[in-house]
Protein backbone atom coordinates (compact mmCIF):
# COMPACT_ATOMS: atom_id res chain seq x y z
CA UNK A 1 70.48 94.59 92.92
CA UNK A 2 71.38 92.02 90.25
CA UNK A 3 68.91 90.17 88.08
CA UNK A 4 69.37 86.96 90.07
CA UNK A 5 68.48 88.57 93.36
CA UNK A 6 64.88 88.73 94.44
CA UNK A 7 62.94 90.67 97.04
CA UNK A 8 59.66 88.90 96.31
CA UNK A 9 60.10 85.46 97.88
CA UNK A 10 59.17 84.77 101.45
CA UNK A 11 61.21 83.40 104.35
CA UNK A 12 58.50 81.02 105.48
CA UNK A 13 56.15 78.89 103.41
CA UNK A 14 53.07 76.77 103.90
CA UNK A 15 55.04 73.63 103.03
CA UNK A 16 58.18 72.37 101.28
CA UNK A 17 56.49 72.25 97.89
CA UNK A 18 55.61 75.94 98.10
CA UNK A 19 59.16 76.74 99.18
CA UNK A 20 60.50 74.83 96.18
CA UNK A 21 58.21 76.66 93.74
CA UNK A 22 58.97 80.11 95.16
CA UNK A 23 62.73 79.63 95.28
CA UNK A 24 63.40 77.81 91.99
CA UNK A 25 65.82 79.50 89.62
CA UNK A 26 67.51 78.60 86.36
CA UNK A 27 70.94 77.03 86.88
CA UNK A 28 73.69 77.67 84.32
CA UNK A 29 76.74 76.52 86.27
CA UNK A 30 77.18 72.86 87.17
CA UNK A 31 79.59 70.81 89.25
CA UNK A 32 81.58 68.06 87.58
CA UNK A 33 79.53 65.48 89.47
CA UNK A 34 77.51 62.60 88.07
CA UNK A 35 73.84 62.28 88.88
CA UNK A 36 73.30 58.91 90.63
CA UNK A 37 71.32 56.56 88.44
CA UNK A 38 68.58 56.10 91.04
CA UNK A 39 68.16 59.88 91.35
CA UNK A 40 67.92 60.38 87.60
CA UNK A 41 65.50 57.50 87.23
CA UNK A 42 63.26 58.96 89.93
CA UNK A 43 63.23 62.33 88.14
CA UNK A 44 62.37 60.72 84.81
CA UNK A 45 59.59 58.64 86.32
CA UNK A 46 58.15 61.67 88.13
CA UNK A 47 57.89 63.45 84.80
CA UNK A 48 55.93 60.62 83.24
CA UNK A 49 53.25 61.20 85.90
CA UNK A 50 52.60 64.77 84.75
CA UNK A 51 49.25 65.94 83.40
CA UNK A 52 48.50 65.03 79.79
CA UNK A 53 45.40 65.41 77.62
CA UNK A 54 43.52 62.12 77.36
CA UNK A 55 46.42 60.51 79.24
CA UNK A 56 48.06 60.02 75.81
CA UNK A 57 51.60 61.20 76.77
CA UNK A 58 52.45 62.38 73.22
CA UNK A 59 56.14 62.98 73.89
CA UNK A 60 59.51 61.25 74.00
CA UNK A 61 62.63 62.35 75.85
CA UNK A 62 66.17 61.76 74.59
CA UNK A 63 68.55 61.37 77.54
CA UNK A 64 71.96 62.72 76.52
CA UNK A 65 75.11 61.97 78.52
CA UNK A 66 77.65 61.53 75.72
CA UNK A 67 80.28 64.29 75.97
CA UNK A 68 80.57 64.72 72.20
CA UNK A 69 76.83 65.19 71.76
CA UNK A 70 76.66 67.62 74.67
CA UNK A 71 79.52 69.67 73.21
CA UNK A 72 77.88 69.76 69.80
CA UNK A 73 74.60 70.95 71.33
CA UNK A 74 76.42 73.63 73.31
CA UNK A 75 77.96 74.91 70.06
CA UNK A 76 74.65 74.76 68.20
CA UNK A 77 72.86 76.65 70.96
CA UNK A 78 75.85 78.98 71.54
CA UNK A 79 75.84 78.38 75.30
CA UNK A 80 78.99 76.71 76.62
CA UNK A 81 77.55 75.63 79.98
CA UNK A 82 75.33 73.12 78.16
CA UNK A 83 78.39 70.93 77.62
CA UNK A 84 79.18 71.03 81.35
CA UNK A 85 75.83 69.67 82.52
CA UNK A 86 76.02 65.95 83.43
CA UNK A 87 72.70 65.18 81.72
CA UNK A 88 70.71 66.82 78.94
CA UNK A 89 67.10 65.93 78.22
CA UNK A 90 65.70 66.64 74.77
CA UNK A 91 61.90 66.79 74.93
CA UNK A 92 60.18 65.93 71.67
CA UNK A 93 56.59 65.94 70.55
CA UNK A 94 56.00 62.33 69.45
CA UNK A 95 53.11 61.34 67.22
CA UNK A 96 55.10 58.45 65.74
CA UNK A 97 54.42 56.23 68.73
CA UNK A 98 50.74 57.18 68.82
CA UNK A 99 50.26 56.51 65.11
CA UNK A 100 51.96 53.11 65.30
CA UNK A 101 49.75 52.20 68.27
CA UNK A 102 46.64 53.30 66.36
CA UNK A 103 47.62 51.24 63.30
CA UNK A 104 48.38 48.16 65.35
CA UNK A 105 44.93 48.43 66.95
CA UNK A 106 43.25 49.31 63.60
CA UNK A 107 42.15 52.79 64.73
CA UNK A 108 41.83 56.00 62.65
CA UNK A 109 44.56 58.59 63.18
CA UNK A 110 44.93 62.19 61.96
CA UNK A 111 46.83 63.87 64.83
CA UNK A 112 49.63 65.13 62.55
CA UNK A 113 47.00 67.02 60.54
CA UNK A 114 45.20 68.50 63.56
CA UNK A 115 46.15 71.84 65.11
CA UNK A 116 44.20 70.92 68.22
CA UNK A 117 46.22 67.73 68.68
CA UNK A 118 49.43 69.69 68.09
CA UNK A 119 48.45 72.42 70.53
CA UNK A 120 47.58 70.20 73.49
CA UNK A 121 50.47 67.82 72.78
CA UNK A 122 52.94 70.71 72.79
CA UNK A 123 51.51 71.72 76.16
CA UNK A 124 51.82 68.15 77.45
CA UNK A 125 55.49 68.05 76.42
CA UNK A 126 56.31 71.28 78.27
CA UNK A 127 54.30 70.18 81.33
CA UNK A 128 56.36 66.98 81.46
CA UNK A 129 59.59 68.96 81.18
CA UNK A 130 58.57 71.31 83.98
CA UNK A 131 57.57 68.39 86.20
CA UNK A 132 61.03 66.86 85.74
CA UNK A 133 62.71 70.19 86.53
CA UNK A 134 60.67 70.51 89.72
CA UNK A 135 61.53 66.92 90.66
CA UNK A 136 65.22 67.66 90.00
CA UNK A 137 65.13 70.78 92.17
CA UNK A 138 63.49 68.80 94.97
CA UNK A 139 66.45 66.38 94.93
CA UNK A 140 69.11 69.06 95.16
CA UNK A 141 69.83 69.43 91.46
CA UNK A 142 69.59 72.49 89.26
CA UNK A 143 68.01 72.82 85.85
CA UNK A 144 67.52 75.24 82.98
CA UNK A 145 65.43 75.27 79.79
CA UNK A 146 67.22 75.83 76.47
CA UNK A 147 64.81 77.06 73.82
CA UNK A 148 67.44 77.72 71.15
CA UNK A 149 67.66 73.99 70.39
CA UNK A 150 64.81 74.69 67.96
CA UNK A 151 67.11 76.92 65.87
CA UNK A 152 68.52 73.80 64.18
CA UNK A 153 65.60 71.34 64.09
CA UNK A 154 66.79 69.37 61.05
CA UNK A 155 70.27 68.89 62.48
CA UNK A 156 68.85 67.88 65.86
CA UNK A 157 66.62 65.34 64.13
CA UNK A 158 69.65 63.85 62.35
CA UNK A 159 71.81 63.81 65.49
CA UNK A 160 69.31 61.89 67.54
CA UNK A 161 67.73 59.84 64.74
CA UNK A 162 64.26 61.23 65.31
CA UNK A 163 61.79 59.38 63.07
CA UNK A 164 58.97 60.98 61.09
CA UNK A 165 56.24 62.52 63.26
CA UNK A 166 58.72 63.36 66.06
CA UNK A 167 59.75 67.00 66.54
CA UNK A 168 62.16 68.59 69.07
CA UNK A 169 60.55 71.07 71.45
CA UNK A 170 62.98 72.04 74.22
CA UNK A 171 66.27 71.00 75.82
CA UNK A 172 66.77 70.79 79.58
CA UNK A 173 70.14 70.77 81.38
CA UNK A 174 70.37 68.87 84.67
CA UNK A 175 73.15 68.79 87.25
CA UNK A 176 74.34 69.78 90.69
CA UNK A 177 74.78 73.57 90.84
CA UNK A 178 78.16 75.08 91.69
CA UNK A 179 76.25 77.79 93.53
CA UNK A 180 72.54 77.64 94.21
CA UNK A 181 71.09 80.44 92.01
CA UNK A 182 68.81 82.98 93.65
CA UNK A 183 65.30 83.39 92.26
CA UNK A 184 64.74 86.30 89.91
CA UNK A 185 62.12 88.95 90.47
CA UNK A 186 58.79 88.08 88.86
CA UNK A 187 55.58 89.88 88.03
CA UNK A 188 53.10 88.94 90.74
CA UNK A 189 49.43 87.88 90.70
CA UNK A 190 48.41 91.54 90.90
CA UNK A 191 49.75 91.95 87.36
CA UNK A 192 49.27 88.59 85.61
CA UNK A 193 46.03 87.34 87.21
CA UNK A 194 42.75 88.84 85.99
CA UNK A 195 39.44 88.34 87.81
CA UNK A 196 36.65 87.08 85.58
CA UNK A 197 37.77 89.07 82.51
CA UNK A 198 40.93 90.62 81.05
CA UNK A 199 41.66 94.01 82.56
CA UNK A 200 44.46 96.16 81.09
CA UNK A 201 46.71 98.03 83.50
CA UNK A 202 47.04 101.76 83.07
CA UNK A 203 50.31 102.84 81.46
CA UNK A 204 51.72 104.10 84.75
CA UNK A 205 50.84 100.84 86.52
CA UNK A 206 52.39 98.77 83.74
CA UNK A 207 55.65 100.73 83.76
CA UNK A 208 55.77 100.55 87.56
CA UNK A 209 55.29 96.77 87.56
CA UNK A 210 58.08 96.17 85.06
CA UNK A 211 60.26 98.75 86.79
CA UNK A 212 60.08 96.74 90.02
CA UNK A 213 60.75 93.47 88.23
CA UNK A 214 63.79 94.74 86.34
CA UNK A 215 65.11 97.13 88.95
CA UNK A 216 68.58 98.54 88.15
CA UNK A 217 68.93 96.64 84.86
CA UNK A 218 69.69 99.71 82.75
CA UNK A 219 72.33 99.07 80.09
CA UNK A 220 74.95 101.77 79.44
CA UNK A 221 74.32 103.53 76.14
CA UNK A 222 77.20 103.19 73.67
CA UNK A 223 77.41 104.24 70.05
CA UNK A 224 77.50 100.58 68.99
CA UNK A 225 74.36 99.69 70.96
CA UNK A 226 72.59 102.80 69.74
CA UNK A 227 73.40 101.97 66.13
CA UNK A 228 72.26 98.34 66.46
CA UNK A 229 68.96 99.16 68.14
CA UNK A 230 68.16 101.93 65.68
CA UNK A 231 68.87 99.58 62.78
CA UNK A 232 66.31 97.14 64.19
CA UNK A 233 63.79 99.95 64.71
CA UNK A 234 64.26 101.18 61.16
CA UNK A 235 63.76 97.74 59.61
CA UNK A 236 60.74 96.83 61.74
CA UNK A 237 58.85 100.10 62.22
CA UNK A 238 60.38 102.68 59.86
CA UNK A 239 62.26 105.98 60.16
CA UNK A 240 59.82 107.84 62.40
CA UNK A 241 59.94 105.12 65.03
CA UNK A 242 63.73 104.99 64.71
CA UNK A 243 63.93 108.72 65.44
CA UNK A 244 61.55 108.37 68.38
CA UNK A 245 63.62 105.56 69.88
CA UNK A 246 66.87 107.48 69.34
CA UNK A 247 65.42 110.50 71.12
CA UNK A 248 64.31 108.41 74.10
CA UNK A 249 67.65 106.63 74.50
CA UNK A 250 69.62 109.87 74.25
CA UNK A 251 67.28 111.62 76.70
CA UNK A 252 67.40 108.68 79.17
CA UNK A 253 71.15 108.16 78.72
CA UNK A 254 70.78 104.38 78.85
CA UNK A 255 69.26 101.36 77.08
CA UNK A 256 66.11 100.28 78.90
CA UNK A 257 65.10 96.65 79.37
CA UNK A 258 62.70 96.15 76.42
CA UNK A 259 65.12 98.02 74.13
CA UNK A 260 67.81 95.58 75.23
CA UNK A 261 65.56 92.51 74.90
CA UNK A 262 63.95 93.33 71.54
CA UNK A 263 66.66 95.50 70.03
CA UNK A 264 69.82 93.61 71.00
CA UNK A 265 68.98 90.16 72.34
CA UNK A 266 65.75 88.80 70.82
CA UNK A 267 66.10 91.15 67.85
CA UNK A 268 62.71 92.13 66.49
CA UNK A 269 64.01 92.16 62.91
CA UNK A 270 65.51 88.67 63.12
CA UNK A 271 63.09 86.68 65.27
CA UNK A 272 60.36 86.36 62.59
CA UNK A 273 62.88 85.31 59.93
CA UNK A 274 62.78 81.69 58.88
CA UNK A 275 59.12 81.12 59.77
CA UNK A 276 58.62 79.48 56.37
CA UNK A 277 61.68 77.28 56.95
CA UNK A 278 60.33 76.10 60.31
CA UNK A 279 57.07 75.15 58.63
CA UNK A 280 58.99 73.36 55.89
CA UNK A 281 61.04 71.36 58.41
CA UNK A 282 57.90 70.58 60.39
CA UNK A 283 56.15 69.39 57.24
CA UNK A 284 59.15 67.24 56.30
CA UNK A 285 58.95 65.78 59.82
CA UNK A 286 55.39 64.63 59.14
CA UNK A 287 53.33 67.50 60.58
CA UNK A 288 50.91 69.39 58.35
CA UNK A 289 48.35 70.79 60.80
CA UNK A 290 48.87 74.24 59.25
CA UNK A 291 47.35 73.09 55.94
CA UNK A 292 43.80 72.31 54.95
CA UNK A 293 43.09 68.70 55.85
CA UNK A 294 42.27 66.34 53.01
CA UNK A 295 41.58 62.68 53.90
CA UNK A 296 43.85 60.29 52.04
CA UNK A 297 40.94 57.94 51.45
CA UNK A 298 37.60 59.30 50.20
CA UNK A 299 34.57 58.70 52.35
CA UNK A 300 32.49 55.67 51.55
CA UNK A 301 29.39 56.51 49.46
CA UNK A 302 26.10 56.76 51.28
CA UNK A 303 23.66 53.95 50.85
């Protein structure tokens, strides 16, 4: 069974909304077919009705249809299908608009210095993006999230002329699918939902749950893969862990799923690199919630 096939979804549902949610899947292959303007507008408007803390809607969306920009993004994100999608939507956290509104109405504003504002506003941005994807799916389109757009935040900011206090969060591709993708297996409520308090699964239960989700996704073990994974293990956890991992892979005769994910794909030695650069770019963009807050104007003396 391939990754895109699923045994978990039902054949009958309580309603069309439930069917849509159960059978959604990421689409990475699009027809060369324009999205009608009225369809796209309906999707965009549906997203603006998504949940948002305080009803502040602290986000902006850059609609991208220019072929040159789409191609450049596909190269930056190293995923060619991005350039084939009729429409790309770049979701950005936007405190610029909120701050201008506050100033115009003579109201105090410190959102760029507040982790709490950042945290809920990031959530609001993703909620809006998901609402638009669901709306797109309901109208026969396909969609996929592209997280790697954050790998080049400064270049993205320049490309789309993002002002200070606006930061890119995620890119979404929209279009009509060449073939409707099948939903992937997922961990169910029995694994991810905890009643009243967090309850850890026993090791055997945990391995069983992931084994069912990633059934038959073993990667053939080659010398090149072995060498790459062991290099990551050595850098991250040292020689003893490297030897332990080598022994397991040679005993199993294959690369298991987490070894593939964290040793070859989302490499554990590379993913944390550049954290300081991300903070630098974020600070240059006007966000400093990760620093101690100091008011720009001292408090008025007590009388």
